[in-house]
Structures are given as structure tokens and as C-alpha cells.
Amino acid sequence: MKKKLLIALLVLACLLALGYYVQTRAEKEEELPMAYKPVIYLYPEQETEVHVRLDYDGVLTCTYPVYHDGWTVTAQPDGTLTTADGTEYSYLFWEGVSGTDYDMSRGFVVKGEDTAAFLQKTLAQLGLTPGEYNEFIVYWLPKMQGNPYNLITFQTDAYTASARLDITPEPDSVLRVFMAYRALEKPVEIEQPELERFERTGFTVVEWGGTEIK
């Protein structure tokens, strides 16, 4: 009887430990920053078949078109992309989760109500076209404008190091804009970075995306 009771207690302990492990792992995954809607635009100088491979230090949660060890599309100078089955796309889309450590030590503190104006001005300064930054703003504005303030940063090194692109043929110019922001109740003092304007030359690739840091 004692032996059966001991076995039952051991089984119960194992089940509790397993449940704790699963819950803890799920909670840790939820805490990891999500890369929301990175989209990749391709602008060759003439109709070109382009292969894009993403080497991501994380887990892809969604792609469109479907990612099969890369995307292969026929790209037009106006950015229109066509897959082998004849389907047209405006850009390549992906989302994923990773443990990337984003640098929030420099950025811009912006009132929630001023988010649209700030993004429009800053994204244009960085080199996005109106069509590109309008897509960006439409996606992010509903998430940010209701916050009292937002600490907005533009990540370059951390993002590109964790989400590497291999593009064939090799583009002449590449712009990758990735915003990481944190909602604030009150403004904080922080150093502002200098932003460099991107110049488009030849076959140009543009990408934008973002994440919320909590």
C-alpha cells in the first residue's frame, strides 16, 4: 500500500513539474519581442527574377507568400512581385519571434497624439517613399496613438544582425527600417540619435517592420 502511494506521489510530482515547465516556457516565449510585419520591397531597374532568403535568429510565425527556404519572384521596377503561379504581391511579408536584445538607450520621446506626424516626418527623412511610410503608419498608429507617450527607436545593428537577408542578384542599395518602441506614462530624458538619409541607386531593396518592448 505504501509502495503504491509512493508511486502515485512520484507520478503527481512529475506531472506538476511538467506543467510548470510548459507554463514557464510559454510565459518566456510570450515575453520575447515579436517582429511585427517586416515587409520587403524589391525595385530592380528592369524585370528581374529575384531570390530572397531570410536567415532569422528566431521562429517565423507567418509568411506571405509562403516561405519555402526563401522566396523566388519576378520583380518589376515599380515593385510588383509575381510568383511562379502568376500571383501578384506588393511585397514579401514575414513575422517572427526571437530573443533579440534591442538598444533602447537612444531614441525619441513622442506624445501619443503626435505619433502620426512624427512618423511621417522621420520615415520620409530616413528615405521611405510616401507609399511605404503610409503603409507603416497605418499599421502602427492604432497601437501607439493612444499611449500618453512613446519612446521610439530605430534599430539597425541589432535587427540586421538577427534577421539577415541574402538576395540574388545582389542589390545596389538596401534600406532596412526597424522600429522598437515602448509605451510611457511620462516623458523621460534620452539622447536622440542622428538619422542618415538613404539614397536609392540601381536595384533597391527596402524593408520596414517593428516591435513593442514592454
Foldseek 3Di string as FASTA:
>chain_A
DVVVVVVVVVVVVVVVVVVVVVVVVVVVQVQFWKWFKKWKFWAAPAWDWKWKAKDAQFAWDDWPPDADRTAIWTAGNVRWTAHPVGDIDNTIITMGTHNQDFDLQAFDKAALQCVVVVQVVVVVQQPDDPVVSVVVCVVCSVVRSPFRIKGKDWDDPRVCVRIPMDMPPDFPEEAETEIEMEGDNDDDDHHHDDHHHGDDDHTYMYIYTYTYND
